[in-house]
């Protein structure tokens, strides 16, 4: 039993397929260009300086990040400033990370455990305030 207009139908299917392949290639090139553009923009934003006030307070210990008159002095505490702009004393973050059995937020405990499994001594720690705001804290 012959199929009416079989050749035309097959040609239309092949033509549709070729158009979809060409469209997919064009979309892939556009997405690749967008990725490069967005990566460059992200790199630019992340490499900007952060303004820090001398009155900033470490949320973990409630002491000022930079004690008055000690800004940059040899006796001042080391500070960790995250990209979001929140700042903590290094030793406060270390204590929070070591407190994995107590009241440390789950994301810090997870970071400590993961870094130990990977054989690293220093865990990757995220901003305590930002993670708590997302509900990933205690």
C-alpha atoms as a PDB file:
ATOM      1  CA  UNK A   1       0.000   0.000   0.000  1.00  0.00           C
ATOM      2  CA  UNK A   2       1.660   3.230  -1.136  1.00  0.00           C
ATOM      3  CA  UNK A   3       1.869   6.224   1.241  1.00  0.00           C
ATOM      4  CA  UNK A   4       0.667   9.405  -0.448  1.00  0.00           C
ATOM      5  CA  UNK A   5       3.285  12.149  -0.766  1.00  0.00           C
ATOM      6  CA  UNK A   6       5.898  10.093   1.140  1.00  0.00           C
ATOM      7  CA  UNK A   7       8.857  11.864  -0.461  1.00  0.00           C
ATOM      8  CA  UNK A   8       7.509  15.348   0.377  1.00  0.00           C
ATOM      9  CA  UNK A   9       6.787  14.344   3.977  1.00  0.00           C
ATOM     10  CA  UNK A  10      10.251  12.888   4.490  1.00  0.00           C
ATOM     11  CA  UNK A  11      11.821  15.997   2.933  1.00  0.00           C
ATOM     12  CA  UNK A  12       9.741  18.228   5.253  1.00  0.00           C
ATOM     13  CA  UNK A  13      10.878  16.182   8.287  1.00  0.00           C
ATOM     14  CA  UNK A  14      14.531  16.453   7.236  1.00  0.00           C
ATOM     15  CA  UNK A  15      14.129  20.188   6.624  1.00  0.00           C
ATOM     16  CA  UNK A  16      12.522  20.676  10.082  1.00  0.00           C
ATOM     17  CA  UNK A  17      15.325  18.659  11.677  1.00  0.00           C
ATOM     18  CA  UNK A  18      18.003  20.753   9.965  1.00  0.00           C
ATOM     19  CA  UNK A  19      16.301  23.966  11.117  1.00  0.00           C
ATOM     20  CA  UNK A  20      16.185  22.703  14.710  1.00  0.00           C
ATOM     21  CA  UNK A  21      19.875  21.728  14.593  1.00  0.00           C
ATOM     22  CA  UNK A  22      20.772  25.193  13.267  1.00  0.00           C
ATOM     23  CA  UNK A  23      18.630  26.850  15.955  1.00  0.00           C
ATOM     24  CA  UNK A  24      20.260  24.723  18.658  1.00  0.00           C
ATOM     25  CA  UNK A  25      23.726  25.735  17.410  1.00  0.00           C
ATOM     26  CA  UNK A  26      22.771  29.420  17.452  1.00  0.00           C
ATOM     27  CA  UNK A  27      21.321  29.154  20.964  1.00  0.00           C
ATOM     28  CA  UNK A  28      24.468  27.369  22.179  1.00  0.00           C
ATOM     29  CA  UNK A  29      26.684  30.158  20.835  1.00  0.00           C
ATOM     30  CA  UNK A  30      24.487  32.814  22.479  1.00  0.00           C
ATOM     31  CA  UNK A  31      24.535  30.987  25.830  1.00  0.00           C
ATOM     32  CA  UNK A  32      28.333  30.550  25.648  1.00  0.00           C
ATOM     33  CA  UNK A  33      28.757  34.283  24.996  1.00  0.00           C
ATOM     34  CA  UNK A  34      26.416  35.096  27.898  1.00  0.00           C
ATOM     35  CA  UNK A  35      28.409  32.850  30.232  1.00  0.00           C
ATOM     36  CA  UNK A  36      31.646  34.648  29.358  1.00  0.00           C
ATOM     37  CA  UNK A  37      29.998  38.052  29.833  1.00  0.00           C
ATOM     38  CA  UNK A  38      28.505  37.073  33.192  1.00  0.00           C
ATOM     39  CA  UNK A  39      31.794  35.543  34.392  1.00  0.00           C
ATOM     40  CA  UNK A  40      33.610  38.766  33.577  1.00  0.00           C
ATOM     41  CA  UNK A  41      30.956  40.829  35.357  1.00  0.00           C
ATOM     42  CA  UNK A  42      31.091  38.545  38.431  1.00  0.00           C
ATOM     43  CA  UNK A  43      34.897  38.730  38.541  1.00  0.00           C
ATOM     44  CA  UNK A  44      34.704  42.514  38.362  1.00  0.00           C
ATOM     45  CA  UNK A  45      32.156  42.732  41.180  1.00  0.00           C
ATOM     46  CA  UNK A  46      34.044  40.288  43.401  1.00  0.00           C
ATOM     47  CA  UNK A  47      37.351  42.103  43.021  1.00  0.00           C
ATOM     48  CA  UNK A  48      36.002  45.455  44.185  1.00  0.00           C
ATOM     49  CA  UNK A  49      37.187  46.825  47.491  1.00  0.00           C
ATOM     50  CA  UNK A  50      34.948  46.754  50.528  1.00  0.00           C
ATOM     51  CA  UNK A  51      34.408  49.803  52.697  1.00  0.00           C
ATOM     52  CA  UNK A  52      34.905  48.982  56.348  1.00  0.00           C
ATOM     53  CA  UNK A  53      34.008  51.189  59.265  1.00  0.00           C
ATOM     54  CA  UNK A  54      36.188  51.455  62.352  1.00  0.00           C
ATOM     55  CA  UNK A  55      32.974  50.888  64.338  1.00  0.00           C
ATOM     56  CA  UNK A  56      32.199  47.465  62.806  1.00  0.00           C
ATOM     57  CA  UNK A  57      31.358  44.835  65.421  1.00  0.00           C
ATOM     58  CA  UNK A  58      32.166  41.132  65.198  1.00  0.00           C
ATOM     59  CA  UNK A  59      28.758  39.429  65.521  1.00  0.00           C
ATOM     60  CA  UNK A  60      30.324  36.425  67.257  1.00  0.00           C
ATOM     61  CA  UNK A  61      32.045  38.214  70.152  1.00  0.00           C
ATOM     62  CA  UNK A  62      30.361  41.667  70.090  1.00  0.00           C
ATOM     63  CA  UNK A  63      33.716  43.493  70.159  1.00  0.00           C
ATOM     64  CA  UNK A  64      34.748  46.018  67.524  1.00  0.00           C
ATOM     65  CA  UNK A  65      36.605  44.590  64.561  1.00  0.00           C
ATOM     66  CA  UNK A  66      39.168  47.385  64.712  1.00  0.00           C
ATOM     67  CA  UNK A  67      39.645  48.697  68.258  1.00  0.00           C
ATOM     68  CA  UNK A  68      39.991  52.470  68.319  1.00  0.00           C
ATOM     69  CA  UNK A  69      43.587  53.499  67.802  1.00  0.00           C
ATOM     70  CA  UNK A  70      44.646  49.975  66.791  1.00  0.00           C
ATOM     71  CA  UNK A  71      43.734  50.007  63.106  1.00  0.00           C
ATOM     72  CA  UNK A  72      46.585  48.186  61.412  1.00  0.00           C
ATOM     73  CA  UNK A  73      48.659  48.004  64.593  1.00  0.00           C
ATOM     74  CA  UNK A  74      50.845  44.983  65.235  1.00  0.00           C
ATOM     75  CA  UNK A  75      48.743  43.920  68.232  1.00  0.00           C
ATOM     76  CA  UNK A  76      45.399  44.013  66.421  1.00  0.00           C
ATOM     77  CA  UNK A  77      43.454  40.817  65.717  1.00  0.00           C
ATOM     78  CA  UNK A  78      43.319  39.237  62.266  1.00  0.00           C
ATOM     79  CA  UNK A  79      40.054  39.806  60.469  1.00  0.00           C
ATOM     80  CA  UNK A  80      38.080  37.832  57.899  1.00  0.00           C
ATOM     81  CA  UNK A  81      35.898  39.927  55.580  1.00  0.00           C
ATOM     82  CA  UNK A  82      33.475  38.082  53.315  1.00  0.00           C
ATOM     83  CA  UNK A  83      32.344  39.271  49.904  1.00  0.00           C
ATOM     84  CA  UNK A  84      28.967  40.207  51.373  1.00  0.00           C
ATOM     85  CA  UNK A  85      30.718  42.788  53.564  1.00  0.00           C
ATOM     86  CA  UNK A  86      30.294  41.025  56.918  1.00  0.00           C
ATOM     87  CA  UNK A  87      33.483  40.860  58.992  1.00  0.00           C
ATOM     88  CA  UNK A  88      34.620  38.604  61.839  1.00  0.00           C
ATOM     89  CA  UNK A  89      37.728  38.158  63.942  1.00  0.00           C
ATOM     90  CA  UNK A  90      39.698  35.161  62.655  1.00  0.00           C
ATOM     91  CA  UNK A  91      39.879  33.564  66.081  1.00  0.00           C
ATOM     92  CA  UNK A  92      36.098  33.968  66.573  1.00  0.00           C
ATOM     93  CA  UNK A  93      35.442  32.062  63.330  1.00  0.00           C
ATOM     94  CA  UNK A  94      37.952  29.377  64.314  1.00  0.00           C
ATOM     95  CA  UNK A  95      36.245  28.908  67.678  1.00  0.00           C
ATOM     96  CA  UNK A  96      32.864  28.716  65.974  1.00  0.00           C
ATOM     97  CA  UNK A  97      34.227  26.077  63.577  1.00  0.00           C
ATOM     98  CA  UNK A  98      35.793  24.017  66.375  1.00  0.00           C
ATOM     99  CA  UNK A  99      32.520  24.017  68.297  1.00  0.00           C
ATOM    100  CA  UNK A 100      31.072  21.328  66.029  1.00  0.00           C
ATOM    101  CA  UNK A 101      29.581  19.353  68.930  1.00  0.00           C
ATOM    102  CA  UNK A 102      27.819  22.310  70.515  1.00  0.00           C
ATOM    103  CA  UNK A 103      25.868  25.165  69.045  1.00  0.00           C
ATOM    104  CA  UNK A 104      27.750  25.654  65.781  1.00  0.00           C
ATOM    105  CA  UNK A 105      25.431  26.176  62.811  1.00  0.00           C
ATOM    106  CA  UNK A 106      24.977  23.118  60.608  1.00  0.00           C
ATOM    107  CA  UNK A 107      26.755  24.683  57.622  1.00  0.00           C
ATOM    108  CA  UNK A 108      29.931  25.205  59.699  1.00  0.00           C
ATOM    109  CA  UNK A 109      29.810  21.652  61.061  1.00  0.00           C
ATOM    110  CA  UNK A 110      29.362  20.367  57.510  1.00  0.00           C
ATOM    111  CA  UNK A 111      32.288  22.477  56.275  1.00  0.00           C
ATOM    112  CA  UNK A 112      34.540  21.185  59.048  1.00  0.00           C
ATOM    113  CA  UNK A 113      33.586  17.557  58.449  1.00  0.00           C
ATOM    114  CA  UNK A 114      33.969  17.879  54.684  1.00  0.00           C
ATOM    115  CA  UNK A 115      37.384  19.506  54.960  1.00  0.00           C
ATOM    116  CA  UNK A 116      38.543  16.747  57.339  1.00  0.00           C
ATOM    117  CA  UNK A 117      37.403  14.080  54.870  1.00  0.00           C
ATOM    118  CA  UNK A 118      39.329  15.880  52.129  1.00  0.00           C
ATOM    119  CA  UNK A 119      42.445  15.966  54.329  1.00  0.00           C
ATOM    120  CA  UNK A 120      42.481  19.738  54.754  1.00  0.00           C
ATOM    121  CA  UNK A 121      43.159  21.493  58.039  1.00  0.00           C
ATOM    122  CA  UNK A 122      41.287  24.707  57.223  1.00  0.00           C
ATOM    123  CA  UNK A 123      37.587  24.389  56.410  1.00  0.00           C
ATOM    124  CA  UNK A 124      35.835  26.579  53.913  1.00  0.00           C
ATOM    125  CA  UNK A 125      33.592  28.752  56.039  1.00  0.00           C
ATOM    126  CA  UNK A 126      30.764  30.909  54.785  1.00  0.00           C
ATOM    127  CA  UNK A 127      29.440  34.087  56.321  1.00  0.00           C
ATOM    128  CA  UNK A 128      27.596  33.200  59.534  1.00  0.00           C
ATOM    129  CA  UNK A 129      25.016  35.987  59.181  1.00  0.00           C
ATOM    130  CA  UNK A 130      24.180  35.276  55.542  1.00  0.00           C
ATOM    131  CA  UNK A 131      23.831  31.523  56.105  1.00  0.00           C
ATOM    132  CA  UNK A 132      21.639  32.078  59.180  1.00  0.00           C
ATOM    133  CA  UNK A 133      19.426  34.440  57.177  1.00  0.00           C
ATOM    134  CA  UNK A 134      18.944  31.680  54.600  1.00  0.00           C
ATOM    135  CA  UNK A 135      17.809  29.292  57.324  1.00  0.00           C
ATOM    136  CA  UNK A 136      20.964  27.183  57.088  1.00  0.00           C
ATOM    137  CA  UNK A 137      22.035  28.015  60.621  1.00  0.00           C
ATOM    138  CA  UNK A 138      21.332  26.007  63.752  1.00  0.00           C
END
